[in-house]
């Protein structure tokens, strides 16, 4: 009996010790990292905070979707320095597109333009310079003299041109910007927000691709003087193809950057960094962050029928529904398969309906979070139907 009891006790202790040994081994593997465990994907990990920039304000915006990927003080107004020239160029490009001026027009340089302080193209007072050369002098060399010459040629005076800039800003929906000059020279009432700057940059690239090429130009020679583009990222990063630098003592060093990689274009804005190198480093870090942790997708084309709906009292019983512009979304990298799109269509749509009229919405969600919501519009116009058709539909509606 004693031998049997002794055997049972020894067996029990052996099982307990073996279990403890296995537990210790598993704990050790867990602490050191299991080499056979699945490697976490981008979809499994939360997106880290954006890098520190040392800027007063910054923003990362996706060009296609318009979504803001990261920002700090982006809706606070600051002195933009020569970033102002993005809006100046936008107005100039508008005039070119409208046919009010041409690239070959010759502009007589005024004394005011010639005397404007700051960076310059080195135009000479009284000489004639083509609009095309002045644009390159403004964009590549950030020439204040070239900028004022363009403003005076288009509007008669720089003050009037500034009023045109403010009118354009209002049309673009800018809420934190006001202009008193075309160059960005300091003035207490001259300011922009990083968000507004990104909006201008996106719309400039989209509307004027034939002129955007100048923002990637690395140097320009005028009057036997060659100057280099101050955007050093054009030399450091092949994905960067624009846009504009800015600096004054009070504004600090500023930079707007546009870069395209694998079909995805990002716009970054940094305002008020402490040095020329700091604005380059900050912009590069924001671009790396945006491309690493986000991806952009086109979900639907403009003009494609996504749904159709019953329309009452019209010359047609149905109306095709779709989008008036392509729908892009920007999401955390690796989560495309988790997107869900739903459509909501207005009840009881009545004729007449104009083409492009909003009749519902498309909502895109990632998990439970709303990524974007855009209008679902009529792709065709539907006029009123015949008297008999309208009476018939009225009766059908009565019994619904």
Protein backbone atom coordinates (compact mmCIF):
# COMPACT_ATOMS: atom_id res chain seq x y z
CA UNK A 1 0.00 0.00 0.00
CA UNK A 2 2.80 2.37 0.94
CA UNK A 3 4.61 1.61 -2.35
CA UNK A 4 1.47 2.33 -4.34
CA UNK A 5 0.93 5.68 -2.54
CA UNK A 6 4.58 6.63 -3.09
CA UNK A 7 4.27 5.87 -6.82
CA UNK A 8 1.16 8.07 -7.14
CA UNK A 9 2.86 11.04 -5.40
CA UNK A 10 5.97 10.78 -7.60
CA UNK A 11 3.81 10.61 -10.77
CA UNK A 12 1.82 13.69 -9.71
CA UNK A 13 5.00 15.71 -9.08
CA UNK A 14 6.41 14.68 -12.45
CA UNK A 15 3.27 15.92 -14.29
CA UNK A 16 3.30 19.25 -12.43
CA UNK A 17 6.99 19.84 -13.12
CA UNK A 18 6.56 18.98 -16.78
CA UNK A 19 3.67 21.46 -17.07
CA UNK A 20 5.69 24.19 -15.42
CA UNK A 21 8.58 23.53 -17.76
CA UNK A 22 6.35 23.81 -20.84
CA UNK A 23 4.83 27.04 -19.50
CA UNK A 24 8.29 28.51 -18.88
CA UNK A 25 9.36 27.62 -22.43
CA UNK A 26 6.23 29.19 -23.96
CA UNK A 27 6.73 32.34 -21.88
CA UNK A 28 10.34 32.53 -23.05
CA UNK A 29 9.35 32.15 -26.71
CA UNK A 30 6.67 34.80 -26.33
CA UNK A 31 9.13 37.22 -24.75
CA UNK A 32 11.78 36.66 -27.42
CA UNK A 33 9.39 36.61 -30.38
CA UNK A 34 8.09 33.48 -32.01
CA UNK A 35 9.90 33.06 -35.33
CA UNK A 36 6.92 31.10 -36.68
CA UNK A 37 4.29 33.68 -35.69
CA UNK A 38 2.57 35.67 -38.46
CA UNK A 39 4.25 39.03 -39.16
CA UNK A 40 1.83 41.91 -38.45
CA UNK A 41 0.67 43.69 -41.61
CA UNK A 42 0.03 47.41 -42.09
CA UNK A 43 -3.69 46.68 -41.66
CA UNK A 44 -3.03 45.21 -38.19
CA UNK A 45 -1.13 48.20 -36.85
CA UNK A 46 -2.47 51.64 -35.92
CA UNK A 47 -1.03 54.53 -37.91
CA UNK A 48 1.67 56.30 -35.89
CA UNK A 49 1.69 60.00 -35.24
CA UNK A 50 3.17 62.13 -38.05
CA UNK A 51 6.82 63.14 -37.70
CA UNK A 52 7.81 66.26 -35.81
CA UNK A 53 8.52 69.10 -38.26
CA UNK A 54 9.55 72.11 -36.20
CA UNK A 55 7.14 74.16 -38.36
CA UNK A 56 4.52 76.60 -37.14
CA UNK A 57 1.99 74.74 -39.29
CA UNK A 58 1.90 71.82 -41.69
CA UNK A 59 -0.50 69.69 -43.69
CA UNK A 60 -0.44 66.56 -45.87
CA UNK A 61 -3.24 66.36 -48.43
CA UNK A 62 -3.97 63.68 -51.00
CA UNK A 63 -4.30 65.27 -54.43
CA UNK A 64 -7.01 62.97 -55.81
CA UNK A 65 -9.31 62.60 -52.82
CA UNK A 66 -8.62 65.94 -51.16
CA UNK A 67 -8.40 64.13 -47.81
CA UNK A 68 -6.14 65.54 -45.12
CA UNK A 69 -3.80 62.81 -43.87
CA UNK A 70 -2.12 64.83 -41.11
CA UNK A 71 -2.02 68.44 -40.03
CA UNK A 72 -1.03 70.84 -37.31
CA UNK A 73 -2.36 74.41 -37.07
CA UNK A 74 -3.44 73.99 -40.70
CA UNK A 75 -6.41 76.35 -40.36
CA UNK A 76 -4.49 79.09 -38.56
CA UNK A 77 -3.40 82.06 -40.69
CA UNK A 78 0.29 82.85 -41.09
CA UNK A 79 2.45 85.06 -43.25
CA UNK A 80 3.06 82.97 -46.40
CA UNK A 81 6.01 84.88 -47.90
CA UNK A 82 6.58 83.84 -51.54
CA UNK A 83 4.11 80.96 -51.25
CA UNK A 84 1.79 83.83 -52.20
CA UNK A 85 3.03 83.43 -55.75
CA UNK A 86 0.99 80.23 -56.08
CA UNK A 87 -2.14 82.37 -55.99
CA UNK A 88 -0.51 84.95 -58.26
CA UNK A 89 0.28 82.21 -60.78
CA UNK A 90 -3.26 80.83 -60.45
CA UNK A 91 -4.71 84.20 -61.47
CA UNK A 92 -2.19 84.53 -64.33
CA UNK A 93 -3.06 81.03 -65.60
CA UNK A 94 -6.75 81.94 -65.42
CA UNK A 95 -6.09 84.91 -67.67
CA UNK A 96 -4.17 82.73 -70.11
CA UNK A 97 -6.94 80.13 -70.19
CA UNK A 98 -9.55 82.82 -70.79
CA UNK A 99 -7.53 84.17 -73.72
CA UNK A 100 -7.13 87.62 -72.14
CA UNK A 101 -3.35 87.39 -72.39
CA UNK A 102 -0.91 85.11 -74.24
CA UNK A 103 2.52 83.73 -73.43
CA UNK A 104 3.99 85.79 -76.28
CA UNK A 105 2.64 89.13 -75.02
CA UNK A 106 5.41 91.62 -74.33
CA UNK A 107 5.27 93.44 -70.98
CA UNK A 108 7.00 96.76 -70.36
CA UNK A 109 8.72 96.69 -66.97
CA UNK A 110 7.71 99.59 -64.74
CA UNK A 111 9.98 101.36 -62.29
CA UNK A 112 7.85 100.02 -59.44
CA UNK A 113 8.40 96.44 -60.61
CA UNK A 114 12.10 97.06 -61.11
CA UNK A 115 12.48 98.55 -57.60
CA UNK A 116 10.54 95.84 -55.76
CA UNK A 117 12.87 94.46 -53.05
CA UNK A 118 13.66 90.83 -52.39
CA UNK A 119 14.47 88.02 -54.81
CA UNK A 120 14.54 89.12 -58.42
CA UNK A 121 14.74 88.03 -62.03
CA UNK A 122 16.86 91.11 -62.86
CA UNK A 123 14.54 92.65 -65.42
CA UNK A 124 15.39 96.21 -66.45
CA UNK A 125 13.09 99.19 -66.18
CA UNK A 126 11.54 100.21 -69.49
CA UNK A 127 12.51 96.94 -71.22
CA UNK A 128 9.94 94.55 -72.66
CA UNK A 129 9.81 90.96 -71.43
CA UNK A 130 7.47 88.19 -72.62
CA UNK A 131 4.76 86.87 -70.32
CA UNK A 132 6.30 83.40 -70.62
CA UNK A 133 9.69 84.61 -69.41
CA UNK A 134 8.12 86.57 -66.57
CA UNK A 135 6.19 83.47 -65.44
CA UNK A 136 9.38 81.43 -65.35
CA UNK A 137 11.14 84.24 -63.50
CA UNK A 138 8.31 84.26 -60.95
CA UNK A 139 8.12 80.46 -60.50
CA UNK A 140 11.71 79.26 -60.86
CA UNK A 141 13.57 82.30 -59.49
CA UNK A 142 10.77 83.64 -57.27
CA UNK A 143 11.45 87.05 -58.79
CA UNK A 144 9.45 89.80 -57.12
CA UNK A 145 10.19 92.13 -60.04
CA UNK A 146 8.74 89.63 -62.53
CA UNK A 147 5.72 89.05 -60.29
CA UNK A 148 4.84 92.73 -60.00
CA UNK A 149 5.32 93.20 -63.76
CA UNK A 150 2.77 90.44 -64.41
CA UNK A 151 0.34 91.86 -61.85
CA UNK A 152 0.50 95.33 -63.39
CA UNK A 153 0.11 93.97 -66.92
CA UNK A 154 -3.03 92.01 -66.01
CA UNK A 155 -4.77 94.44 -63.65
CA UNK A 156 -3.15 97.84 -64.22
CA UNK A 157 -1.79 98.04 -60.68
CA UNK A 158 -0.67 95.63 -58.00
CA UNK A 159 -3.43 96.79 -55.64
CA UNK A 160 -6.08 95.95 -58.23
CA UNK A 161 -4.40 92.60 -58.87
CA UNK A 162 -4.51 91.84 -55.12
CA UNK A 163 -8.28 92.46 -55.22
CA UNK A 164 -8.46 89.95 -58.07
CA UNK A 165 -6.52 87.47 -55.93
CA UNK A 166 -9.00 87.90 -53.08
CA UNK A 167 -11.94 87.40 -55.43
CA UNK A 168 -10.31 84.20 -56.72
CA UNK A 169 -9.66 83.02 -53.16
CA UNK A 170 -13.34 83.45 -52.37
CA UNK A 171 -14.31 81.44 -55.47
CA UNK A 172 -11.98 78.64 -54.37
CA UNK A 173 -13.56 78.56 -50.92
CA UNK A 174 -10.48 79.72 -49.03
CA UNK A 175 -11.48 80.75 -45.53
CA UNK A 176 -8.24 81.94 -43.91
CA UNK A 177 -6.46 83.89 -46.63
CA UNK A 178 -6.21 87.55 -47.58
CA UNK A 179 -3.85 89.25 -50.02
CA UNK A 180 -2.51 92.79 -50.15
CA UNK A 181 0.19 92.21 -52.79
CA UNK A 182 1.28 89.73 -55.46
CA UNK A 183 4.71 88.85 -54.05
CA UNK A 184 4.23 87.93 -50.39
CA UNK A 185 6.26 90.80 -49.00
CA UNK A 186 5.28 91.33 -45.34
CA UNK A 187 2.05 93.18 -44.58
CA UNK A 188 -0.13 92.84 -41.45
CA UNK A 189 -3.22 92.01 -43.53
CA UNK A 190 -1.50 89.52 -45.83
CA UNK A 191 -1.88 85.90 -44.72
CA UNK A 192 -2.78 82.33 -45.70
CA UNK A 193 -3.43 79.03 -43.94
CA UNK A 194 -1.63 75.79 -44.75
CA UNK A 195 -5.01 74.24 -45.64
CA UNK A 196 -5.82 77.05 -48.08
CA UNK A 197 -2.38 76.75 -49.67
CA UNK A 198 -2.91 73.02 -50.24
CA UNK A 199 -6.28 73.72 -51.88
CA UNK A 200 -4.70 76.25 -54.25
CA UNK A 201 -1.88 73.82 -55.09
CA UNK A 202 -4.29 70.97 -55.87
CA UNK A 203 -6.55 73.11 -58.06
CA UNK A 204 -3.60 74.69 -59.88
CA UNK A 205 -2.19 71.28 -60.83
CA UNK A 206 -5.62 69.95 -61.85
CA UNK A 207 -6.72 72.94 -63.91
CA UNK A 208 -3.44 73.98 -65.49
CA UNK A 209 -1.30 70.88 -66.17
CA UNK A 210 0.31 72.53 -69.20
CA UNK A 211 1.70 75.30 -66.98
CA UNK A 212 2.48 73.16 -63.96
CA UNK A 213 5.61 71.92 -65.78
CA UNK A 214 7.45 75.12 -64.78
CA UNK A 215 7.36 74.09 -61.11
CA UNK A 216 9.77 71.23 -61.81
CA UNK A 217 12.18 73.46 -63.77
CA UNK A 218 15.49 73.45 -61.91
CA UNK A 219 17.01 76.63 -63.37
CA UNK A 220 16.21 79.60 -65.57
CA UNK A 221 18.51 82.00 -67.39
CA UNK A 222 17.54 85.58 -68.18
CA UNK A 223 19.78 88.47 -69.15
CA UNK A 224 22.76 86.07 -69.03
CA UNK A 225 22.07 85.37 -65.36
CA UNK A 226 21.28 81.77 -64.39
CA UNK A 227 19.44 81.11 -61.14
CA UNK A 228 18.45 77.79 -59.61
CA UNK A 229 15.12 76.71 -58.19
CA UNK A 230 15.21 77.01 -54.40
CA UNK A 231 13.19 73.81 -53.97
CA UNK A 232 16.11 71.45 -53.29
CA UNK A 233 13.79 68.43 -53.13
CA UNK A 234 13.73 68.54 -56.95
CA UNK A 235 17.31 67.22 -56.78
CA UNK A 236 16.87 64.90 -53.77
CA UNK A 237 13.63 63.03 -54.48
CA UNK A 238 12.61 61.78 -57.92
CA UNK A 239 8.94 61.70 -56.92
CA UNK A 240 8.91 65.48 -56.33
CA UNK A 241 7.89 67.63 -59.32
CA UNK A 242 7.01 70.97 -57.65
CA UNK A 243 6.07 73.45 -56.12
CA UNK A 244 7.17 76.66 -54.30
CA UNK A 245 9.45 78.01 -51.60
CA UNK A 246 9.01 81.10 -49.48
CA UNK A 247 11.04 83.10 -46.96
CA UNK A 248 11.03 86.36 -45.05
CA UNK A 249 12.51 87.18 -41.64
CA UNK A 250 9.04 87.22 -40.10
CA UNK A 251 7.53 84.26 -41.98
CA UNK A 252 10.49 81.91 -41.62
CA UNK A 253 11.26 79.25 -44.22
CA UNK A 254 8.23 77.80 -46.01
CA UNK A 255 7.73 75.14 -48.68
CA UNK A 256 4.87 73.65 -50.67
CA UNK A 257 5.74 70.30 -52.21
CA UNK A 258 3.99 68.07 -54.71
CA UNK A 259 5.15 64.49 -55.24
CA UNK A 260 3.78 61.50 -57.16
CA UNK A 261 4.57 57.84 -56.47
CA UNK A 262 2.79 54.74 -57.80
CA UNK A 263 -0.15 56.81 -59.05
CA UNK A 264 -0.63 58.60 -55.73
CA UNK A 265 0.10 62.34 -55.51
CA UNK A 266 0.60 64.10 -52.19
CA UNK A 267 0.71 67.82 -51.40
CA UNK A 268 2.63 68.94 -48.31
CA UNK A 269 2.85 72.44 -46.85
CA UNK A 270 5.22 73.54 -44.10
CA UNK A 271 5.17 77.10 -42.79
CA UNK A 272 7.61 78.87 -40.49
CA UNK A 273 10.51 76.43 -40.18
CA UNK A 274 13.78 77.84 -38.77
CA UNK A 275 16.07 77.24 -41.79
CA UNK A 276 16.21 76.31 -45.47
CA UNK A 277 17.44 72.82 -44.56
CA UNK A 278 14.68 72.43 -41.97
CA UNK A 279 11.92 73.05 -44.51
CA UNK A 280 13.46 70.43 -46.82
CA UNK A 281 13.81 67.86 -44.02
CA UNK A 282 10.29 68.50 -42.74
CA UNK A 283 8.74 68.22 -46.20
CA UNK A 284 10.65 65.02 -46.98
CA UNK A 285 9.59 63.47 -43.68
CA UNK A 286 5.92 64.30 -44.32
CA UNK A 287 6.07 62.85 -47.84
CA UNK A 288 7.71 59.65 -46.56
CA UNK A 289 5.05 59.36 -43.87
CA UNK A 290 2.16 59.88 -46.30
CA UNK A 291 3.39 57.40 -48.89
CA UNK A 292 4.33 54.80 -46.25
CA UNK A 293 1.10 54.68 -44.27
CA UNK A 294 -1.65 55.61 -46.77
CA UNK A 295 -2.91 54.53 -50.17
CA UNK A 296 -5.31 56.16 -52.62
CA UNK A 297 -7.91 54.38 -54.75
CA UNK A 298 -10.38 55.44 -57.43
CA UNK A 299 -13.68 53.73 -56.65
CA UNK A 300 -15.92 55.09 -59.42
CA UNK A 301 -15.52 57.07 -62.63
CA UNK A 302 -17.55 60.17 -63.39
CA UNK A 303 -20.54 59.62 -65.65
CA UNK A 304 -20.81 55.88 -65.00
CA UNK A 305 -24.30 54.62 -64.12
CA UNK A 306 -24.16 53.33 -60.55
CA UNK A 307 -27.91 52.99 -60.01
CA UNK A 308 -31.24 53.95 -61.51
CA UNK A 309 -34.36 55.21 -59.79
CA UNK A 310 -38.05 55.53 -60.50
CA UNK A 311 -38.97 59.05 -61.56
CA UNK A 312 -42.56 60.21 -61.55
CA UNK A 313 -44.45 62.38 -64.05
CA UNK A 314 -41.53 62.45 -66.48
CA UNK A 315 -40.99 61.58 -70.12
CA UNK A 316 -39.10 58.55 -68.80
CA UNK A 317 -39.95 56.19 -65.95
CA UNK A 318 -36.37 55.88 -64.71
CA UNK A 319 -33.38 58.17 -64.30
CA UNK A 320 -29.74 56.96 -64.32
CA UNK A 321 -27.66 58.01 -61.31
CA UNK A 322 -23.91 58.43 -60.98
CA UNK A 323 -21.18 60.90 -60.06
CA UNK A 324 -20.21 64.23 -61.59
CA UNK A 325 -16.52 63.61 -60.85
CA UNK A 326 -14.37 60.55 -60.10
CA UNK A 327 -14.58 59.28 -56.54
CA UNK A 328 -11.22 58.72 -54.85
CA UNK A 329 -10.59 57.70 -51.27
CA UNK A 330 -7.40 57.70 -49.25
CA UNK A 331 -7.20 55.08 -46.50
CA UNK A 332 -4.63 53.47 -44.21
CA UNK A 333 -2.42 51.17 -46.25
CA UNK A 334 -3.54 47.54 -46.46
CA UNK A 335 -7.23 48.12 -45.67
CA UNK A 336 -8.75 48.42 -49.14
CA UNK A 337 -10.68 45.14 -48.77
CA UNK A 338 -12.49 46.56 -45.73
CA UNK A 339 -14.11 49.45 -47.62
CA UNK A 340 -17.89 49.45 -47.99
CA UNK A 341 -19.87 51.73 -50.30
CA UNK A 342 -23.62 52.32 -49.96
CA UNK A 343 -26.02 54.47 -51.97
CA UNK A 344 -28.96 56.42 -50.67
CA UNK A 345 -31.53 57.61 -53.24
CA UNK A 346 -34.14 60.30 -52.59
CA UNK A 347 -37.75 59.14 -52.24
CA UNK A 348 -40.36 60.06 -54.83
CA UNK A 349 -38.23 61.84 -57.42
CA UNK A 350 -40.44 64.09 -59.54
CA UNK A 351 -39.82 65.40 -63.04
CA UNK A 352 -38.45 67.68 -64.29
CA UNK A 353 -34.88 66.83 -63.26
CA UNK A 354 -31.79 68.55 -64.63
CA UNK A 355 -28.63 66.71 -65.58
CA UNK A 356 -26.23 66.84 -62.63
CA UNK A 357 -28.99 67.43 -60.07
CA UNK A 358 -28.31 65.78 -56.70
CA UNK A 359 -30.77 62.95 -56.03
CA UNK A 360 -29.00 61.10 -53.26
CA UNK A 361 -25.54 60.24 -52.02
CA UNK A 362 -22.76 57.67 -52.09
CA UNK A 363 -21.27 56.92 -48.69
CA UNK A 364 -17.98 55.10 -48.23
CA UNK A 365 -17.12 53.61 -44.85
CA UNK A 366 -14.11 51.88 -43.37
CA UNK A 367 -15.43 49.73 -40.55
CA UNK A 368 -17.94 52.12 -38.95
CA UNK A 369 -16.09 55.31 -39.84
CA UNK A 370 -17.39 57.47 -42.68
CA UNK A 371 -14.53 58.06 -45.13
CA UNK A 372 -16.42 60.27 -47.56
CA UNK A 373 -19.90 61.19 -48.71
CA UNK A 374 -20.53 62.58 -52.20
CA UNK A 375 -23.69 63.52 -54.16
CA UNK A 376 -25.37 60.92 -56.36
CA UNK A 377 -26.55 62.93 -59.36
CA UNK A 378 -28.79 62.52 -62.38
CA UNK A 379 -26.76 61.57 -65.46
CA UNK A 380 -29.56 62.67 -67.81
CA UNK A 381 -32.12 65.44 -67.86
CA UNK A 382 -35.72 64.24 -67.55
CA UNK A 383 -38.47 66.59 -68.69
CA UNK A 384 -42.13 66.45 -67.72
CA UNK A 385 -44.14 63.72 -69.38
CA UNK A 386 -47.40 64.08 -71.29
CA UNK A 387 -50.59 65.09 -69.54
CA UNK A 388 -51.84 61.49 -69.59
CA UNK A 389 -48.54 60.22 -68.14
CA UNK A 390 -48.62 62.74 -65.33
CA UNK A 391 -52.25 61.92 -64.46
CA UNK A 392 -51.46 58.22 -64.46
CA UNK A 393 -48.46 58.69 -62.20
CA UNK A 394 -50.47 60.92 -59.87
CA UNK A 395 -53.04 58.13 -59.48
CA UNK A 396 -50.33 55.54 -58.84
CA UNK A 397 -48.74 57.78 -56.23
CA UNK A 398 -52.12 58.23 -54.50
CA UNK A 399 -52.44 54.51 -53.87
CA UNK A 400 -48.85 54.04 -52.68
